């Protein structure tokens, strides 16, 4: 992941919405770090019902549900693409 991008995707294994957002990011050619919230009790308690959640640096960019089109719009608003 490049330091300029710094995207972080909060997700959990087996989450189809998480897989869809990860796939959409890959299709856009964007590098990201996938963070399994099940490995962090604080993140799990805060985000369990709203994953996936995408952050750029420390700012939330998008959360479920997102279509590829609305995700792209959110990334543009955040200045990522």
N, C-alpha and C. Protein backbone atom coordinates (compact mmCIF):
# COMPACT_ATOMS: atom_id res chain seq x y z
N UNK A 1 0.85 -1.18 0.00
CA UNK A 1 0.00 0.00 0.00
C UNK A 1 0.89 1.23 0.00
N UNK A 2 0.56 2.20 -0.82
CA UNK A 2 1.34 3.43 -0.85
C UNK A 2 0.97 4.30 0.35
N UNK A 3 1.90 5.09 0.79
CA UNK A 3 1.62 5.96 1.92
C UNK A 3 0.61 7.04 1.55
N UNK A 4 0.52 7.39 0.27
CA UNK A 4 -0.42 8.42 -0.16
C UNK A 4 -1.86 7.93 -0.05
N UNK A 5 -2.09 6.64 -0.27
CA UNK A 5 -3.45 6.12 -0.26
C UNK A 5 -3.93 5.88 1.16
N UNK A 6 -3.28 5.01 1.87
CA UNK A 6 -3.61 4.71 3.26
C UNK A 6 -5.10 4.41 3.48
N UNK A 7 -5.62 3.47 2.71
CA UNK A 7 -7.00 3.02 2.88
C UNK A 7 -7.01 1.82 3.81
N UNK A 8 -7.99 1.80 4.69
CA UNK A 8 -8.16 0.70 5.63
C UNK A 8 -9.61 0.24 5.56
N UNK A 9 -9.81 -1.04 5.33
CA UNK A 9 -11.15 -1.62 5.22
C UNK A 9 -11.42 -2.50 6.42
N UNK A 10 -12.36 -2.05 7.27
CA UNK A 10 -12.76 -2.86 8.41
C UNK A 10 -13.74 -3.91 7.92
N UNK A 11 -13.44 -5.17 8.23
CA UNK A 11 -14.25 -6.26 7.73
C UNK A 11 -14.18 -7.45 8.68
N UNK A 12 -14.83 -8.53 8.27
CA UNK A 12 -14.73 -9.78 9.02
C UNK A 12 -14.83 -10.92 8.01
N UNK A 13 -14.23 -12.07 8.32
CA UNK A 13 -14.30 -13.21 7.41
C UNK A 13 -15.75 -13.64 7.16
N UNK A 14 -16.02 -13.99 5.91
CA UNK A 14 -17.34 -14.48 5.55
C UNK A 14 -18.38 -13.41 5.31
N UNK A 15 -18.01 -12.15 5.39
CA UNK A 15 -18.95 -11.04 5.19
C UNK A 15 -19.02 -10.73 3.69
N UNK A 16 -20.17 -11.01 3.07
CA UNK A 16 -20.27 -10.79 1.62
C UNK A 16 -20.19 -9.32 1.25
N UNK A 17 -20.72 -8.43 2.09
CA UNK A 17 -20.61 -7.00 1.80
C UNK A 17 -19.15 -6.54 1.85
N UNK A 18 -18.40 -7.11 2.79
CA UNK A 18 -16.97 -6.79 2.90
C UNK A 18 -16.22 -7.26 1.65
N UNK A 19 -16.55 -8.47 1.20
CA UNK A 19 -15.91 -9.02 0.01
C UNK A 19 -16.25 -8.18 -1.22
N UNK A 20 -17.49 -7.70 -1.31
CA UNK A 20 -17.89 -6.86 -2.43
C UNK A 20 -17.15 -5.53 -2.44
N UNK A 21 -17.00 -4.91 -1.25
CA UNK A 21 -16.28 -3.63 -1.20
C UNK A 21 -14.80 -3.85 -1.53
N UNK A 22 -14.21 -4.92 -1.02
CA UNK A 22 -12.81 -5.22 -1.31
C UNK A 22 -12.62 -5.43 -2.82
N UNK A 23 -13.54 -6.13 -3.42
CA UNK A 23 -13.48 -6.37 -4.86
C UNK A 23 -13.60 -5.07 -5.64
N UNK A 24 -14.50 -4.20 -5.23
CA UNK A 24 -14.68 -2.91 -5.90
C UNK A 24 -13.41 -2.06 -5.78
N UNK A 25 -12.76 -2.08 -4.63
CA UNK A 25 -11.51 -1.34 -4.45
C UNK A 25 -10.42 -1.90 -5.35
N UNK A 26 -10.36 -3.23 -5.45
CA UNK A 26 -9.36 -3.86 -6.31
C UNK A 26 -9.62 -3.51 -7.78
N UNK A 27 -10.89 -3.49 -8.19
CA UNK A 27 -11.22 -3.14 -9.57
C UNK A 27 -10.82 -1.70 -9.89
N UNK A 28 -10.85 -0.84 -8.88
CA UNK A 28 -10.42 0.54 -9.06
C UNK A 28 -8.90 0.68 -9.01
N UNK A 29 -8.22 -0.41 -8.71
CA UNK A 29 -6.76 -0.39 -8.63
C UNK A 29 -6.23 0.25 -7.37
N UNK A 30 -7.04 0.25 -6.30
CA UNK A 30 -6.65 0.90 -5.06
C UNK A 30 -6.12 -0.12 -4.05
N UNK A 31 -4.97 0.18 -3.49
CA UNK A 31 -4.40 -0.66 -2.45
C UNK A 31 -5.08 -0.31 -1.13
N UNK A 32 -5.29 -1.33 -0.31
CA UNK A 32 -5.90 -1.10 0.99
C UNK A 32 -5.44 -2.17 1.98
N UNK A 33 -5.57 -1.86 3.24
CA UNK A 33 -5.29 -2.81 4.30
C UNK A 33 -6.62 -3.32 4.81
N UNK A 34 -6.82 -4.63 4.79
CA UNK A 34 -8.03 -5.23 5.34
C UNK A 34 -7.78 -5.51 6.81
N UNK A 35 -8.69 -5.03 7.67
CA UNK A 35 -8.57 -5.21 9.10
C UNK A 35 -9.74 -6.07 9.58
N UNK A 36 -9.43 -7.22 10.13
CA UNK A 36 -10.44 -8.13 10.66
C UNK A 36 -10.87 -7.63 12.04
N UNK A 37 -12.09 -7.12 12.14
CA UNK A 37 -12.54 -6.55 13.42
C UNK A 37 -12.68 -7.61 14.51
N UNK A 38 -12.79 -8.87 14.13
CA UNK A 38 -12.92 -9.93 15.12
C UNK A 38 -11.63 -10.11 15.92
N UNK A 39 -10.54 -9.57 15.43
CA UNK A 39 -9.26 -9.65 16.14
C UNK A 39 -9.04 -8.47 17.08
N UNK A 40 -9.99 -7.54 17.11
CA UNK A 40 -9.86 -6.35 17.94
C UNK A 40 -11.20 -6.09 18.63
N UNK A 41 -11.31 -6.38 19.93
CA UNK A 41 -12.58 -6.21 20.63
C UNK A 41 -13.16 -4.80 20.57
N UNK A 42 -12.31 -3.79 20.54
CA UNK A 42 -12.80 -2.40 20.49
C UNK A 42 -13.46 -2.14 19.13
N UNK A 43 -12.78 -2.54 18.05
CA UNK A 43 -13.36 -2.37 16.72
C UNK A 43 -14.62 -3.21 16.56
N UNK A 44 -14.59 -4.43 17.07
CA UNK A 44 -15.76 -5.31 16.97
C UNK A 44 -16.97 -4.70 17.66
N UNK A 45 -16.77 -4.13 18.82
CA UNK A 45 -17.89 -3.55 19.54
C UNK A 45 -18.41 -2.29 18.86
N UNK A 46 -17.54 -1.53 18.24
CA UNK A 46 -17.95 -0.28 17.61
C UNK A 46 -18.52 -0.46 16.20
N UNK A 47 -18.00 -1.43 15.44
CA UNK A 47 -18.36 -1.52 14.03
C UNK A 47 -19.06 -2.81 13.61
N UNK A 48 -19.33 -3.71 14.52
CA UNK A 48 -19.87 -5.03 14.15
C UNK A 48 -21.13 -4.96 13.30
N UNK A 49 -21.99 -4.00 13.56
CA UNK A 49 -23.27 -3.96 12.85
C UNK A 49 -23.24 -3.09 11.59
N UNK A 50 -22.09 -2.49 11.26
CA UNK A 50 -22.05 -1.58 10.12
C UNK A 50 -20.95 -1.90 9.11
N UNK A 51 -20.24 -3.01 9.27
CA UNK A 51 -19.16 -3.33 8.34
C UNK A 51 -19.72 -3.69 6.98
N UNK A 52 -18.97 -3.46 5.95
CA UNK A 52 -17.62 -2.93 5.93
C UNK A 52 -17.61 -1.41 6.13
N UNK A 53 -16.52 -0.95 6.69
CA UNK A 53 -16.30 0.48 6.85
C UNK A 53 -14.93 0.78 6.26
N UNK A 54 -14.88 1.79 5.41
CA UNK A 54 -13.64 2.16 4.73
C UNK A 54 -13.15 3.49 5.27
N UNK A 55 -11.87 3.52 5.64
CA UNK A 55 -11.23 4.74 6.12
C UNK A 55 -10.12 5.14 5.16
N UNK A 56 -9.97 6.45 4.97
CA UNK A 56 -8.80 7.02 4.30
C UNK A 56 -8.06 7.79 5.37
N UNK A 57 -6.86 7.34 5.67
CA UNK A 57 -6.11 7.84 6.82
C UNK A 57 -6.99 7.61 8.04
N UNK A 58 -7.43 8.63 8.76
CA UNK A 58 -8.28 8.43 9.93
C UNK A 58 -9.71 8.88 9.71
N UNK A 59 -10.09 9.13 8.47
CA UNK A 59 -11.42 9.64 8.16
C UNK A 59 -12.26 8.55 7.51
N UNK A 60 -13.47 8.36 8.03
CA UNK A 60 -14.38 7.39 7.43
C UNK A 60 -14.83 7.90 6.07
N UNK A 61 -14.71 7.03 5.07
CA UNK A 61 -15.08 7.37 3.70
C UNK A 61 -16.43 6.74 3.34
N UNK A 62 -16.64 5.49 3.74
CA UNK A 62 -17.85 4.78 3.36
C UNK A 62 -18.10 3.63 4.32
N UNK A 63 -19.38 3.24 4.39
CA UNK A 63 -19.75 2.05 5.14
C UNK A 63 -20.88 1.37 4.39
N UNK A 64 -21.17 0.17 4.78
CA UNK A 64 -22.21 -0.62 4.10
C UNK A 64 -23.56 0.05 4.27
N UNK A 65 -24.42 -0.13 3.30
CA UNK A 65 -24.19 -0.78 2.01
C UNK A 65 -23.69 0.23 0.99
N UNK A 66 -22.85 -0.23 0.09
CA UNK A 66 -22.30 0.60 -0.99
C UNK A 66 -22.35 -0.18 -2.29
N UNK A 67 -22.77 0.46 -3.34
CA UNK A 67 -22.65 -0.12 -4.67
C UNK A 67 -21.30 0.36 -5.20
N UNK A 68 -20.77 -0.26 -6.24
CA UNK A 68 -19.51 0.23 -6.81
C UNK A 68 -19.61 1.71 -7.20
N UNK A 69 -20.76 2.13 -7.68
CA UNK A 69 -20.94 3.54 -8.09
C UNK A 69 -20.92 4.49 -6.89
N UNK A 70 -21.64 4.15 -5.82
CA UNK A 70 -21.65 5.04 -4.65
C UNK A 70 -20.31 5.02 -3.93
N UNK A 71 -19.62 3.88 -3.97
CA UNK A 71 -18.28 3.81 -3.37
C UNK A 71 -17.34 4.73 -4.13
N UNK A 72 -17.39 4.68 -5.44
CA UNK A 72 -16.53 5.55 -6.27
C UNK A 72 -16.82 7.02 -5.96
N UNK A 73 -18.09 7.36 -5.82
CA UNK A 73 -18.46 8.75 -5.49
C UNK A 73 -17.89 9.15 -4.13
N UNK A 74 -17.98 8.26 -3.14
CA UNK A 74 -17.43 8.54 -1.81
C UNK A 74 -15.92 8.72 -1.86
N UNK A 75 -15.25 7.91 -2.64
CA UNK A 75 -13.79 8.02 -2.78
C UNK A 75 -13.40 9.34 -3.45
N UNK A 76 -14.20 9.76 -4.41
CA UNK A 76 -13.94 11.07 -5.05
C UNK A 76 -14.11 12.21 -4.05
N UNK A 77 -15.21 12.16 -3.28
CA UNK A 77 -15.45 13.21 -2.27
C UNK A 77 -14.30 13.27 -1.27
N UNK A 78 -13.73 12.13 -0.95
CA UNK A 78 -12.63 12.08 0.02
C UNK A 78 -11.28 12.45 -0.60
N UNK A 79 -11.25 12.65 -1.93
CA UNK A 79 -10.01 13.01 -2.60
C UNK A 79 -9.07 11.84 -2.82
N UNK A 80 -9.59 10.62 -2.75
CA UNK A 80 -8.75 9.45 -2.94
C UNK A 80 -8.54 9.17 -4.42
N UNK A 81 -9.59 9.38 -5.22
CA UNK A 81 -9.47 9.18 -6.68
C UNK A 81 -9.87 10.45 -7.40
